Amino acid sequence: MNPSSNLYRSYERDMEQFALDQLFQSRINSRLAVIYDHMIYKDMIDEAIAKVLPAVLRSYRISCRSKQMKYVIIRYEELEQENAYLLTDGVAYVPLFSGTAVILFQDAFGNRYADVQYLKTPVMDKADLEKKCFEIYPAHPMLCLTACKKAADKEMPGEEEIPILERAINELSLCDLYRKQLLGVIIGYYRRLAGEENSTQCECSYLLTLDIAAMTRRERLLVCETLISQNYLEEAYGILKVYGCEGLDTGRLAKLCSKMILQQMFDEDDFLMGLSFQVFAGGKADSVVLDYLCEHFNGDSDEMFRLLTQAVSARVETYDLEERLMCQMMFSGKTEHLDQTFLLYSKRKRMSEIVVKAYFTVKSIGYFLRHETADPQVFAYLEATVNRIEDMEKAPVIYLLALTLYYSQCRELKEDQIRLCRRMTDQLLGDGLIFPYTKKLSRFVPVPQSVMDKAMICFEGNRDDKLELLVRILPDEEEFHPEEFRRVYQGIFVCRKVLFEGETMEYQIFRQEIGGRRLAAEGTVSCELTSPNLKESRFASLNDMGLCLSMKEEAGLKKSMQEYLMRNAALEDLFPLAR
C-alpha cells in the first residue's frame, strides 16, 4: 500500500471512514489492524475515539487448537469482574491491559481450563496513540488501571498520580484487596505531605469521602493525623470518638485537644477529658490542656498531684484542684503527697476552714496513732486552735492527744505551753485517757500519784479487737491470770497496775479470732520511780518498807513506816472523808 499513489488518495477518505466505523464497533483482526495503523493518527483522536481505541491498541490474537474450547476468559487480579470472548475457528481477538492477566478457556458446558495450549500474538503496538487517548479520556477504566499499577508500584507516588488512584477507587470495580492497597498508598501520600516540615495547607478533603469503617486501625490513625494537621478537627474528633485513639501521634493529639477545648469554650466533655489526659501523660500538654484538666479532671491521686505540680510550674490557673485533691487524699487514705498539696493550697488559694481542719485532723491521727512524723507547723496550728477554745471539753480529743504526746517528747516548754499542757492534761485525765506517755508530762504539770505509781501495759491494735490479757507478777506468782484490759482510745488498750521495787510483770496478749485465739504480743514491765514527786509519795514509802523487809533492815523499815504515817495523816487533814 503506497500512500502517495493516486489510487490510495482517491480512497483515503473512504478508508478512514471505514476504519472509524469498525473502530466504534470495537472490531479488530489482522486486516483491520493494518487499516487502523494507516488511518488512525494522534491529531484525529477525540473523546469518542479515546473511549474505544485503547481496547484495539491492546488487542492480542489468541489462537487455540482445541475444538472443545468456545470462549477465552480474561480475569484481572485487580478487578472483580471478568470478560469473555468468543472463539471463532479457534481464534479470538482479546484486549489485554496487564501482563498479570489470567487467561482461561471455557467449553460449551461452562467448564473452565487453565492448562490449554494457546498462542498469543500482539496485533498493534502504538504507545503514542494510547498515551494520547489517556490524556483526552483519563477515565478509561483499563488505562486507569494500568496507570494505577505503575503509580502503586512506586515507592512514593507524585502529586499527578494521586488523582488517578482516587479515580480508580471511586469508579472501577476493584477487588477488596487491591482497593485496600491503593487506599493505603493514598493515605500514606497525604500523611507524608501533611507531615513534611514547613508544609502548607494541602487539599486532603478526599479523605473525608472514604469509608472509615472499612479501614485498618493504622489507616484510620494516619487519616486522623492528616486531618488534624490540616485543621479538619471536628472530622478527626468524630473518628476518634468512634474508633479510639490508641497509637495516635501525641503531638497531633495535643493540637486536636487544644483546638477542641477552645472551640467548646472549656465545657466539660468526658471523651475530650480522656484525650487531654493522654496528652498530659505523654508530656505534650500546653497551657490550654493544663487549664482544662485543672478545671475538670478527677482521677488517681498520683495523677492529680502530677497535674497540679506541672500546672503550678507553668503558672496555669488551677481552680479548686488543690482542694479536690486534698479531699480525695484524706478520704481515700492515700496521703503520700498530702503535705506538698497542702503547702501549695495554702499559698495559692483562700483555704476552706473545713478542709484545713480535716488536714490537721489527719496529721494528728497519723502522729498519735501511726507514729508518723509531723511538721512543726502541725503543732503550731494545734496550739493556736486549742488555745482559742475556752471550754476544753469541746476541743477535738485527737488534737489534745497529739499535742500532749508532742509535749511529752520536748525537753522544755515555754510558760504559755505549760499552761496549755496543764489544761489539756486535766481534761484527758478527767476523761480517763491515760497512756504511758502521760507520766512524762509530770516534768511540766502535776500528774496524780494514782497514775504515776502504776506500771502500764499498752497495746495498739484495731478498734474492734477482742483481746485477753494474762499477767503474772514475778518473782511471787507462777501462774498467769487475767487482768482487765480496757480500750482507752480507738484501737489502743491500756492496763495499769501497781508494782513494787523488785517486781516484774510478765504479760501475754491474745487476740480472739475465728477458730480460736492467737498470741498478739508478750513482754515484761517493771517498777519505775523516775519522778521526783513520786519518790516522796506514800507509794514510795510502801515500796521502801517492802525493800527493807526483804533485806531485814529494821532501822530503814522504822523510818519508812514513820514517813508513810506522816504522809497519810497529811492527806487526811487535806482531804477529810465525809462521815
Protein backbone atom coordinates (compact mmCIF):
# COMPACT_ATOMS: atom_id res chain seq x y z
CA MET A 1 0.00 0.00 0.00
CA ASN A 2 1.53 3.21 -1.25
CA PRO A 3 0.03 6.27 0.47
CA SER A 4 1.43 8.55 -2.21
CA SER A 5 -0.32 6.83 -5.10
CA ASN A 6 -3.34 8.36 -6.78
CA LEU A 7 -5.41 5.26 -6.11
CA TYR A 8 -4.69 5.44 -2.39
CA ARG A 9 -5.56 9.11 -2.23
CA SER A 10 -8.82 8.64 -4.05
CA TYR A 11 -10.00 6.06 -1.49
CA GLU A 12 -8.27 7.55 1.56
CA ARG A 13 -11.39 9.32 2.85
CA ASP A 14 -13.49 6.19 2.45
CA MET A 15 -10.88 4.05 4.17
CA GLU A 16 -10.71 6.49 7.03
CA GLN A 17 -14.48 6.44 7.48
CA PHE A 18 -14.48 2.65 7.27
CA ALA A 19 -11.75 2.48 9.91
CA LEU A 20 -13.74 4.69 12.24
CA ASP A 21 -16.91 2.69 11.70
CA GLN A 22 -15.09 -0.53 12.54
CA LEU A 23 -13.32 1.12 15.47
CA PHE A 24 -16.54 2.30 17.08
CA GLN A 25 -17.79 -1.29 16.86
CA SER A 26 -14.57 -2.38 18.65
CA ARG A 27 -13.74 -4.79 15.82
CA ILE A 28 -10.22 -6.00 15.33
CA ASN A 29 -8.38 -8.57 13.29
CA SER A 30 -5.11 -8.73 11.42
CA ARG A 31 -6.51 -6.94 8.35
CA LEU A 32 -8.26 -4.23 10.36
CA ALA A 33 -5.03 -3.74 12.32
CA VAL A 34 -3.28 -2.73 9.11
CA ILE A 35 -6.07 -0.28 8.26
CA TYR A 36 -6.06 1.19 11.79
CA ASP A 37 -2.32 1.53 11.61
CA HIS A 38 -2.57 3.73 8.50
CA MET A 39 -5.86 5.55 9.16
CA ILE A 40 -5.75 6.40 12.88
CA TYR A 41 -3.33 9.12 13.95
CA LYS A 42 -2.92 11.33 17.02
CA ASP A 43 -4.49 14.52 15.78
CA MET A 44 -7.80 12.88 14.95
CA ILE A 45 -8.28 11.35 18.41
CA ASP A 46 -11.16 12.92 20.32
CA GLU A 47 -13.02 11.71 23.40
CA ALA A 48 -15.26 9.37 21.44
CA ILE A 49 -12.26 7.67 19.81
CA ALA A 50 -10.31 7.70 23.06
CA LYS A 51 -13.03 5.60 24.73
CA VAL A 52 -12.77 2.70 22.24
CA LEU A 53 -9.29 2.88 20.73
CA PRO A 54 -7.28 1.56 23.75
CA ALA A 55 -9.04 -1.82 23.57
CA VAL A 56 -7.98 -2.10 19.95
CA LEU A 57 -4.42 -0.97 20.62
CA ARG A 58 -4.04 -3.55 23.42
CA SER A 59 -5.59 -6.43 21.39
CA TYR A 60 -3.90 -9.81 21.12
CA ARG A 61 -4.66 -12.68 18.76
CA ILE A 62 -5.37 -15.77 20.87
CA SER A 63 -5.34 -18.98 18.84
CA CYS A 64 -6.29 -22.36 20.34
CA ARG A 65 -6.22 -25.72 18.58
CA SER A 66 -8.65 -27.41 20.96
CA LYS A 67 -12.02 -27.69 19.21
CA GLN A 68 -13.87 -28.12 22.54
CA MET A 69 -12.98 -24.58 23.70
CA LYS A 70 -15.63 -21.96 22.91
CA TYR A 71 -14.56 -18.92 24.90
CA VAL A 72 -11.49 -17.11 26.15
CA ILE A 73 -11.97 -15.81 29.71
CA ILE A 74 -9.84 -12.88 30.87
CA ARG A 75 -9.50 -12.14 34.58
CA TYR A 76 -7.51 -9.37 36.21
CA GLU A 77 -6.38 -9.87 39.78
CA GLU A 78 -7.17 -6.22 40.47
CA LEU A 79 -10.82 -6.38 39.27
CA GLU A 80 -13.91 -8.18 40.44
CA GLN A 81 -15.47 -8.74 37.04
CA GLU A 82 -14.24 -10.89 34.16
CA ASN A 83 -14.60 -10.70 30.35
CA ALA A 84 -15.49 -13.50 27.93
CA TYR A 85 -14.56 -13.54 24.21
CA LEU A 86 -15.96 -15.98 21.59
CA LEU A 87 -13.51 -18.25 19.80
CA THR A 88 -14.16 -18.30 16.08
CA ASP A 89 -12.36 -21.14 14.32
CA GLY A 90 -10.11 -21.32 17.38
CA VAL A 91 -9.21 -17.60 17.23
CA ALA A 92 -10.26 -14.64 19.35
CA TYR A 93 -9.02 -11.05 19.49
CA VAL A 94 -8.72 -10.08 23.15
CA PRO A 95 -7.61 -6.78 24.75
CA LEU A 96 -5.01 -7.36 27.46
CA PHE A 97 -4.12 -4.39 29.60
CA SER A 98 -1.89 -6.17 32.09
CA GLY A 99 0.84 -8.74 31.90
CA THR A 100 -0.60 -10.36 35.03
CA ALA A 101 -3.96 -11.04 33.38
CA VAL A 102 -5.13 -14.64 33.80
CA ILE A 103 -6.21 -16.38 30.57
CA LEU A 104 -8.68 -19.25 30.91
CA PHE A 105 -10.64 -21.30 28.35
CA GLN A 106 -14.23 -22.43 28.64
CA ASP A 107 -16.05 -25.22 26.80
CA ALA A 108 -19.69 -25.34 25.74
CA PHE A 109 -20.72 -26.78 29.12
CA GLY A 110 -19.22 -23.98 31.16
CA ASN A 111 -16.18 -25.91 32.29
CA ARG A 112 -13.02 -23.87 32.52
CA TYR A 113 -9.42 -24.85 31.88
CA ALA A 114 -6.12 -23.28 32.72
CA ASP A 115 -3.85 -25.81 31.03
CA VAL A 116 -4.98 -25.37 27.41
CA GLN A 117 -2.19 -24.64 24.99
CA TYR A 118 -2.58 -21.43 23.03
CA LEU A 119 -0.65 -18.85 21.03
CA LYS A 120 -0.75 -15.15 21.94
CA THR A 121 0.27 -12.56 19.35
CA PRO A 122 0.07 -8.74 19.67
CA VAL A 123 -1.95 -7.11 16.90
CA MET A 124 -0.89 -3.47 17.28
CA ASP A 125 1.80 -1.51 19.07
CA LYS A 126 1.02 2.20 19.18
CA ALA A 127 2.16 3.55 22.54
CA ASP A 128 1.89 7.17 21.38
CA LEU A 129 -1.77 6.72 20.44
CA GLU A 130 -2.51 5.06 23.79
CA LYS A 131 -0.89 7.92 25.66
CA LYS A 132 -2.95 10.41 23.68
CA CYS A 133 -6.13 8.51 24.50
CA PHE A 134 -5.36 8.64 28.22
CA GLU A 135 -4.69 12.37 28.05
CA ILE A 136 -8.02 13.03 26.38
CA TYR A 137 -10.04 10.48 28.33
CA PRO A 138 -8.31 9.63 31.62
CA ALA A 139 -11.44 7.90 32.89
CA HIS A 140 -10.93 4.93 30.59
CA PRO A 141 -11.20 2.01 33.03
CA MET A 142 -8.40 -0.16 31.72
CA LEU A 143 -5.98 2.66 31.03
CA CYS A 144 -6.72 3.96 34.50
CA LEU A 145 -6.00 0.50 35.91
CA THR A 146 -2.68 0.37 34.08
CA ALA A 147 -1.70 3.80 35.39
CA CYS A 148 -2.74 2.70 38.88
CA LYS A 149 -0.40 -0.24 38.80
CA LYS A 150 2.51 1.96 37.77
CA ALA A 151 1.75 4.52 40.48
CA ALA A 152 1.16 1.93 43.21
CA ASP A 153 4.44 0.21 42.42
CA LYS A 154 6.37 3.42 43.08
CA GLU A 155 7.88 4.00 46.50
CA MET A 156 6.37 7.48 46.62
CA PRO A 157 3.73 8.45 44.01
CA GLY A 158 3.75 12.02 42.75
CA GLU A 159 1.06 14.67 43.00
CA GLU A 160 -0.15 13.99 39.45
CA GLU A 161 -0.64 10.27 40.13
CA ILE A 162 -2.81 10.52 43.23
CA PRO A 163 -5.95 11.64 41.29
CA ILE A 164 -5.55 8.51 39.16
CA LEU A 165 -5.60 6.30 42.22
CA GLU A 166 -8.58 8.17 43.65
CA ARG A 167 -10.49 7.82 40.37
CA ALA A 168 -9.76 4.10 40.26
CA ILE A 169 -11.12 3.58 43.78
CA ASN A 170 -14.26 5.55 43.01
CA GLU A 171 -15.03 4.30 39.51
CA LEU A 172 -13.55 0.84 39.00
CA SER A 173 -14.93 -2.43 40.33
CA LEU A 174 -11.76 -3.27 42.18
CA CYS A 175 -11.40 -6.32 44.35
CA ASP A 176 -11.22 -5.61 48.06
CA LEU A 177 -7.56 -6.49 48.44
CA TYR A 178 -6.39 -4.20 45.63
CA ARG A 179 -8.72 -1.43 46.75
CA LYS A 180 -7.14 -1.55 50.21
CA GLN A 181 -3.70 -1.48 48.65
CA LEU A 182 -4.48 1.67 46.67
CA LEU A 183 -6.18 3.21 49.68
CA GLY A 184 -3.05 2.63 51.72
CA VAL A 185 -0.95 4.38 49.07
CA ILE A 186 -3.30 7.39 49.01
CA ILE A 187 -3.46 7.68 52.78
CA GLY A 188 0.31 7.39 53.05
CA TYR A 189 0.78 10.11 50.45
CA TYR A 190 -1.42 12.62 52.26
CA ARG A 191 0.15 11.72 55.61
CA ARG A 192 3.65 12.35 54.24
CA LEU A 193 2.52 15.59 52.60
CA ALA A 194 0.94 16.85 55.80
CA GLY A 195 3.89 15.72 57.89
CA GLU A 196 6.58 17.47 55.92
CA GLU A 197 8.37 20.31 57.64
CA ASN A 198 7.15 23.73 56.66
CA SER A 199 4.21 22.09 54.94
CA THR A 200 1.40 24.40 53.90
CA GLN A 201 -2.29 23.65 53.80
CA CYS A 202 -2.87 20.76 51.42
CA GLU A 203 -6.11 19.67 49.87
CA CYS A 204 -6.97 16.39 51.57
CA SER A 205 -10.77 16.59 51.54
CA TYR A 206 -10.79 13.33 49.58
CA LEU A 207 -10.02 11.53 52.83
CA LEU A 208 -13.41 12.65 54.15
CA THR A 209 -15.17 10.65 51.44
CA LEU A 210 -13.59 7.36 52.43
CA ASP A 211 -15.30 4.58 54.35
CA ILE A 212 -13.58 4.83 57.70
CA ALA A 213 -15.17 1.61 58.95
CA ALA A 214 -13.51 -0.40 56.20
CA MET A 215 -10.02 0.82 57.13
CA THR A 216 -7.49 -0.84 59.36
CA ARG A 217 -6.68 0.77 62.71
CA ARG A 218 -3.37 2.11 61.40
CA GLU A 219 -5.05 3.60 58.31
CA ARG A 220 -7.63 5.35 60.49
CA LEU A 221 -4.88 6.79 62.65
CA LEU A 222 -2.98 8.07 59.60
CA VAL A 223 -6.16 9.66 58.27
CA CYS A 224 -6.81 11.32 61.62
CA GLU A 225 -3.27 12.64 61.88
CA THR A 226 -3.54 14.08 58.38
CA LEU A 227 -6.92 15.68 59.08
CA ILE A 228 -5.63 17.19 62.33
CA SER A 229 -2.58 18.66 60.66
CA GLN A 230 -4.83 20.28 58.06
CA ASN A 231 -7.30 21.57 60.67
CA TYR A 232 -10.16 19.20 59.89
CA LEU A 233 -10.55 18.98 63.65
CA GLU A 234 -14.23 18.13 64.08
CA GLU A 235 -13.97 15.39 61.47
CA ALA A 236 -10.91 13.88 63.15
CA TYR A 237 -12.51 14.19 66.58
CA GLY A 238 -15.60 12.36 65.35
CA ILE A 239 -13.49 9.48 64.01
CA LEU A 240 -11.52 9.17 67.24
CA LYS A 241 -14.69 9.26 69.30
CA VAL A 242 -15.99 6.19 67.45
CA TYR A 243 -12.81 4.19 66.93
CA GLY A 244 -10.46 5.37 69.69
CA CYS A 245 -7.05 6.99 69.55
CA GLU A 246 -4.64 4.24 70.59
CA GLY A 247 -1.36 4.71 68.70
CA LEU A 248 -2.12 8.25 67.55
CA ASP A 249 0.86 10.60 67.48
CA THR A 250 0.85 12.54 70.76
CA GLY A 251 1.85 15.80 69.10
CA ARG A 252 -1.13 15.63 66.71
CA LEU A 253 -3.40 14.69 69.58
CA ALA A 254 -2.15 17.67 71.57
CA LYS A 255 -3.07 20.03 68.73
CA LEU A 256 -6.53 18.46 68.44
CA CYS A 257 -7.20 18.75 72.17
CA SER A 258 -6.10 22.39 72.38
CA LYS A 259 -8.24 23.43 69.43
CA MET A 260 -11.31 21.45 70.54
CA ILE A 261 -11.07 22.80 74.10
CA LEU A 262 -11.05 26.35 72.80
CA GLN A 263 -13.83 25.55 70.33
CA GLN A 264 -16.02 24.10 73.08
CA MET A 265 -15.28 27.03 75.40
CA PHE A 266 -13.75 24.77 78.06
CA ASP A 267 -17.06 22.93 78.59
CA GLU A 268 -16.62 19.54 80.22
CA ASP A 269 -16.53 16.63 77.78
CA ASP A 270 -15.65 13.16 79.07
CA PHE A 271 -14.06 11.96 75.85
CA LEU A 272 -12.10 15.16 75.37
CA MET A 273 -11.04 14.85 79.00
CA GLY A 274 -9.59 11.41 78.32
CA LEU A 275 -7.74 12.64 75.24
CA SER A 276 -6.38 15.63 77.15
CA PHE A 277 -5.07 13.48 79.96
CA GLN A 278 -3.41 11.20 77.42
CA VAL A 279 -1.66 14.26 76.03
CA PHE A 280 -0.63 15.25 79.54
CA ALA A 281 0.68 11.76 80.30
CA GLY A 282 2.69 11.90 77.08
CA GLY A 283 4.37 15.14 78.13
CA LYS A 284 2.80 17.27 75.36
CA ALA A 285 0.25 19.30 77.32
CA ASP A 286 0.26 23.05 76.69
CA SER A 287 -1.30 25.72 78.88
CA VAL A 288 -4.76 25.20 77.34
CA VAL A 289 -4.77 21.46 78.06
CA LEU A 290 -3.39 22.00 81.57
CA ASP A 291 -6.01 24.66 82.29
CA TYR A 292 -8.79 22.37 81.07
CA LEU A 293 -7.58 19.41 83.14
CA CYS A 294 -7.16 21.51 86.27
CA GLU A 295 -10.75 22.65 85.98
CA HIS A 296 -12.40 19.28 85.29
CA PHE A 297 -10.08 16.29 85.79
CA ASN A 298 -10.60 13.86 88.65
CA GLY A 299 -8.52 10.72 88.73
CA ASP A 300 -5.93 8.84 90.71
CA SER A 301 -4.30 10.88 93.47
CA ASP A 302 -0.83 10.46 91.96
CA GLU A 303 -2.09 11.61 88.57
CA MET A 304 -3.80 14.65 90.05
CA PHE A 305 -0.70 15.56 92.03
CA ARG A 306 1.49 15.38 88.91
CA LEU A 307 -1.04 17.57 87.12
CA LEU A 308 -1.04 20.06 89.99
CA THR A 309 2.73 20.38 90.15
CA GLN A 310 3.07 20.82 86.39
CA ALA A 311 0.26 23.40 86.32
CA VAL A 312 1.91 25.37 89.13
CA SER A 313 5.25 25.28 87.29
CA ALA A 314 3.55 26.51 84.11
CA ARG A 315 1.72 29.25 86.07
CA VAL A 316 -1.65 27.91 84.94
CA GLU A 317 -4.89 28.56 86.79
CA THR A 318 -5.59 25.51 88.99
CA TYR A 319 -9.14 26.41 90.06
CA ASP A 320 -10.03 24.14 93.01
CA LEU A 321 -7.68 21.28 92.05
CA GLU A 322 -5.72 21.54 95.30
CA GLU A 323 -8.86 21.33 97.38
CA ARG A 324 -10.29 18.42 95.36
CA LEU A 325 -7.01 16.58 95.63
CA MET A 326 -6.72 17.10 99.37
CA CYS A 327 -10.25 15.88 99.96
CA GLN A 328 -9.61 12.81 97.82
CA MET A 329 -6.35 12.01 99.60
CA MET A 330 -7.87 12.33 103.04
CA PHE A 331 -10.95 10.31 102.07
CA SER A 332 -9.01 7.50 100.43
CA GLY A 333 -6.19 7.43 102.97
CA LYS A 334 -3.58 7.76 100.21
CA THR A 335 -1.70 10.68 101.74
CA GLU A 336 1.75 10.36 100.20
CA HIS A 337 1.66 13.87 98.71
CA LEU A 338 -0.75 15.41 101.21
CA ASP A 339 1.78 17.78 102.79
CA GLN A 340 3.07 19.11 99.45
CA THR A 341 -0.50 19.62 98.28
CA PHE A 342 -1.43 21.47 101.45
CA LEU A 343 1.60 23.72 101.03
CA LEU A 344 0.50 24.65 97.51
CA TYR A 345 -3.06 25.02 98.70
CA SER A 346 -2.09 27.41 101.46
CA LYS A 347 -0.02 29.56 99.10
CA ARG A 348 -2.37 29.84 96.12
CA LYS A 349 -5.90 29.76 97.48
CA ARG A 350 -8.28 31.06 100.05
CA MET A 351 -8.49 27.98 102.19
CA SER A 352 -11.67 26.29 103.30
CA GLU A 353 -11.84 26.04 107.09
CA ILE A 354 -13.39 22.59 106.87
CA VAL A 355 -10.59 21.31 104.64
CA VAL A 356 -7.91 22.83 106.88
CA LYS A 357 -9.43 21.21 109.97
CA ALA A 358 -9.65 17.90 108.16
CA TYR A 359 -5.98 18.16 107.14
CA PHE A 360 -4.71 18.78 110.66
CA THR A 361 -7.01 16.09 112.00
CA VAL A 362 -5.48 13.61 109.56
CA LYS A 363 -1.99 14.76 110.57
CA SER A 364 -2.87 14.42 114.26
CA ILE A 365 -4.24 10.91 113.73
CA GLY A 366 -1.14 9.92 111.81
CA TYR A 367 1.14 11.30 114.51
CA PHE A 368 -0.69 9.81 117.50
CA LEU A 369 -1.99 6.50 116.15
CA ARG A 370 0.50 5.59 113.42
CA HIS A 371 3.65 7.26 114.83
CA GLU A 372 4.19 9.30 111.68
CA THR A 373 6.45 12.32 111.80
CA ALA A 374 4.76 15.70 111.63
CA ASP A 375 5.95 19.14 110.62
CA PRO A 376 6.26 21.77 113.39
CA GLN A 377 3.51 23.74 111.66
CA VAL A 378 1.08 20.98 112.65
CA PHE A 379 1.72 21.54 116.34
CA ALA A 380 1.73 25.31 115.91
CA TYR A 381 -1.76 25.04 114.42
CA LEU A 382 -2.91 22.70 117.21
CA GLU A 383 -1.63 25.07 119.86
CA ALA A 384 -3.36 28.05 118.28
CA THR A 385 -6.62 26.15 117.82
CA VAL A 386 -6.77 24.65 121.31
CA ASN A 387 -5.78 27.96 122.94
CA ARG A 388 -8.82 29.60 121.36
CA ILE A 389 -11.14 27.02 122.94
CA GLU A 390 -12.33 28.18 126.36
CA ASP A 391 -14.20 25.02 127.23
CA MET A 392 -11.66 22.21 126.84
CA GLU A 393 -14.46 19.65 126.68
CA LYS A 394 -15.33 21.00 123.21
CA ALA A 395 -11.79 20.56 121.91
CA PRO A 396 -11.20 17.65 119.47
CA VAL A 397 -9.78 14.80 121.50
CA ILE A 398 -7.26 13.86 118.83
CA TYR A 399 -5.87 17.41 118.99
CA LEU A 400 -5.31 17.08 122.76
CA LEU A 401 -3.74 13.64 122.41
CA ALA A 402 -1.37 14.62 119.60
CA LEU A 403 -0.28 17.83 121.30
CA THR A 404 0.29 16.30 124.74
CA LEU A 405 2.25 13.45 123.14
CA TYR A 406 4.38 16.05 121.37
CA TYR A 407 4.91 17.95 124.66
CA SER A 408 5.95 14.76 126.41
CA GLN A 409 8.84 14.44 123.97
CA CYS A 410 10.03 18.04 124.38
CA ARG A 411 13.00 18.85 126.63
CA GLU A 412 11.38 22.05 127.82
CA LEU A 413 8.23 24.12 127.35
CA LYS A 414 7.50 27.81 127.39
CA GLU A 415 5.23 29.23 130.07
CA ASP A 416 2.24 29.52 127.75
CA GLN A 417 2.84 25.94 126.58
CA ILE A 418 2.96 24.73 130.18
CA ARG A 419 -0.36 26.42 130.95
CA LEU A 420 -1.90 24.85 127.85
CA CYS A 421 -0.40 21.47 128.73
CA ARG A 422 -1.96 21.60 132.17
CA ARG A 423 -5.42 22.40 130.76
CA MET A 424 -5.19 19.58 128.24
CA THR A 425 -3.79 17.07 130.71
CA ASP A 426 -6.53 17.79 133.23
CA GLN A 427 -9.15 17.24 130.53
CA LEU A 428 -7.61 13.95 129.34
CA LEU A 429 -7.22 12.66 132.90
CA GLY A 430 -10.82 13.53 133.62
CA ASP A 431 -11.87 11.53 130.55
CA GLY A 432 -9.75 8.55 131.57
CA LEU A 433 -7.42 8.96 128.58
CA ILE A 434 -4.24 7.84 130.30
CA PHE A 435 -1.28 6.42 128.39
CA PRO A 436 2.33 5.58 129.23
CA TYR A 437 3.47 8.97 127.91
CA THR A 438 1.18 10.69 130.43
CA LYS A 439 3.81 10.06 133.12
CA LYS A 440 6.37 12.07 131.12
CA LEU A 441 4.16 15.15 131.36
CA SER A 442 4.85 15.21 135.11
CA ARG A 443 8.06 17.12 134.26
CA PHE A 444 5.89 20.11 133.37
CA VAL A 445 2.49 19.69 135.05
CA PRO A 446 1.13 17.83 138.07
CA VAL A 447 0.09 14.25 137.36
CA PRO A 448 -1.84 12.33 140.05
CA GLN A 449 0.10 9.76 142.06
CA SER A 450 -2.56 7.24 141.14
CA VAL A 451 -1.19 7.47 137.63
CA MET A 452 2.47 7.79 138.48
CA ASP A 453 2.65 4.81 140.85
CA LYS A 454 1.37 2.31 138.29
CA ALA A 455 3.13 0.36 135.58
CA MET A 456 1.33 0.28 132.23
CA ILE A 457 0.85 -2.27 129.51
CA CYS A 458 -0.15 -0.62 126.24
CA PHE A 459 -1.20 -2.45 123.07
CA GLU A 460 -2.05 -0.79 119.77
CA GLY A 461 -4.44 -2.87 117.71
CA ASN A 462 -7.73 -2.38 115.94
CA ARG A 463 -10.83 -0.74 117.33
CA ASP A 464 -12.87 -3.94 117.09
CA ASP A 465 -10.24 -6.24 118.51
CA LYS A 466 -11.33 -8.63 121.22
CA LEU A 467 -8.29 -9.04 123.46
CA GLU A 468 -7.45 -11.12 126.51
CA LEU A 469 -4.63 -10.06 128.87
CA LEU A 470 -2.87 -12.59 131.08
CA VAL A 471 -0.25 -11.47 133.63
CA ARG A 472 1.86 -12.80 136.46
CA ILE A 473 3.94 -10.85 138.97
CA LEU A 474 7.43 -12.16 139.34
CA PRO A 475 9.01 -13.47 141.46
CA ASP A 476 5.99 -14.37 143.60
CA GLU A 477 3.46 -15.66 141.02
CA GLU A 478 3.97 -18.72 138.88
CA GLU A 479 0.67 -18.87 137.01
CA PHE A 480 -0.80 -16.30 134.62
CA HIS A 481 -4.15 -14.81 135.50
CA PRO A 482 -6.46 -12.48 133.53
CA GLU A 483 -6.45 -8.73 134.09
CA GLU A 484 -8.76 -6.01 132.86
CA PHE A 485 -7.59 -4.66 129.53
CA ARG A 486 -9.59 -1.57 128.69
CA ARG A 487 -9.82 0.10 125.30
CA VAL A 488 -8.88 3.68 126.07
CA TYR A 489 -8.94 5.29 122.61
CA GLN A 490 -9.61 3.84 119.15
CA GLY A 491 -7.52 0.67 118.96
CA ILE A 492 -5.29 1.47 121.98
CA PHE A 493 -5.72 -0.79 125.02
CA VAL A 494 -4.15 0.01 128.41
CA CYS A 495 -3.77 -1.89 131.66
CA ARG A 496 -2.47 -0.08 134.77
CA LYS A 497 -1.15 -2.00 137.79
CA VAL A 498 0.87 -1.20 140.90
CA LEU A 499 4.33 -2.78 141.02
CA PHE A 500 6.82 -2.53 143.82
CA GLU A 501 10.57 -2.37 143.59
CA GLY A 502 11.96 -5.73 142.55
CA GLU A 503 8.72 -6.87 140.96
CA THR A 504 8.31 -7.62 137.27
CA MET A 505 5.00 -8.06 135.48
CA GLU A 506 5.13 -10.59 132.67
CA TYR A 507 2.20 -10.43 130.25
CA GLN A 508 0.66 -12.18 127.25
CA ILE A 509 -1.94 -10.62 124.98
CA PHE A 510 -4.22 -12.87 122.94
CA ARG A 511 -6.46 -11.77 120.07
CA GLN A 512 -9.75 -13.64 119.68
CA GLU A 513 -10.18 -14.85 116.09
CA ILE A 514 -12.35 -17.27 114.18
CA GLY A 515 -11.23 -20.73 115.14
CA GLY A 516 -9.61 -19.71 118.42
CA ARG A 517 -7.21 -17.19 119.86
CA ARG A 518 -3.78 -16.11 118.70
CA LEU A 519 -0.90 -14.61 120.65
CA ALA A 520 -0.66 -10.96 119.59
CA ALA A 521 2.07 -9.68 121.94
CA GLU A 522 4.05 -10.54 125.04
CA GLY A 523 6.63 -8.86 127.24
CA THR A 524 7.50 -7.56 130.68
CA VAL A 525 7.23 -4.29 132.63
CA SER A 526 8.83 -3.37 135.94
CA CYS A 527 8.56 -0.75 138.67
CA GLU A 528 9.85 2.71 137.74
CA LEU A 529 10.34 5.58 140.26
CA THR A 530 11.57 8.24 137.94
CA SER A 531 9.53 11.25 139.04
CA PRO A 532 10.83 13.34 141.99
CA ASN A 533 7.25 13.75 143.21
CA LEU A 534 6.73 10.01 143.15
CA LYS A 535 9.77 9.42 145.35
CA GLU A 536 8.10 11.47 148.09
CA SER A 537 4.71 9.73 147.85
CA ARG A 538 3.02 7.13 150.06
CA PHE A 539 3.72 4.59 147.31
CA ALA A 540 7.43 5.29 147.68
CA SER A 541 7.21 4.73 151.44
CA LEU A 542 5.39 1.41 150.95
CA ASN A 543 7.95 0.45 148.35
CA ASP A 544 10.81 1.28 150.74
CA MET A 545 9.16 -0.74 153.52
CA GLY A 546 8.94 -3.78 151.28
CA LEU A 547 12.56 -3.40 150.27
CA CYS A 548 13.72 -3.06 153.90
CA LEU A 549 11.72 -6.14 154.90
CA SER A 550 13.35 -8.20 152.19
CA MET A 551 16.79 -7.01 153.31
CA LYS A 552 15.92 -7.21 157.06
CA GLU A 553 16.90 -3.62 157.72
CA GLU A 554 14.96 -2.65 160.88
CA ALA A 555 16.16 0.96 161.06
CA GLY A 556 15.19 1.66 157.46
CA LEU A 557 11.87 -0.09 157.99
CA LYS A 558 11.01 2.11 161.03
CA LYS A 559 11.95 5.24 159.09
CA SER A 560 9.80 4.26 156.08
CA MET A 561 6.86 3.46 158.37
CA GLN A 562 7.11 6.85 160.06
CA GLU A 563 7.24 8.62 156.64
CA TYR A 564 4.18 6.71 155.46
CA LEU A 565 2.19 7.64 158.62
CA MET A 566 3.13 11.28 158.31
CA ARG A 567 2.17 11.50 154.60
CA ASN A 568 -1.06 9.62 155.24
CA ALA A 569 -2.02 11.94 158.12
CA ALA A 570 -1.28 14.99 155.99
CA LEU A 571 -3.57 13.71 153.25
CA GLU A 572 -6.36 13.02 155.72
CA ASP A 573 -6.12 16.58 157.02
CA LEU A 574 -6.20 17.97 153.49
CA PHE A 575 -8.96 15.62 152.21
CA PRO A 576 -11.15 14.58 155.23
CA LEU A 577 -13.59 11.77 154.50
CA ALA A 578 -17.26 12.61 154.74
CA ARG A 579 -18.92 10.91 157.72
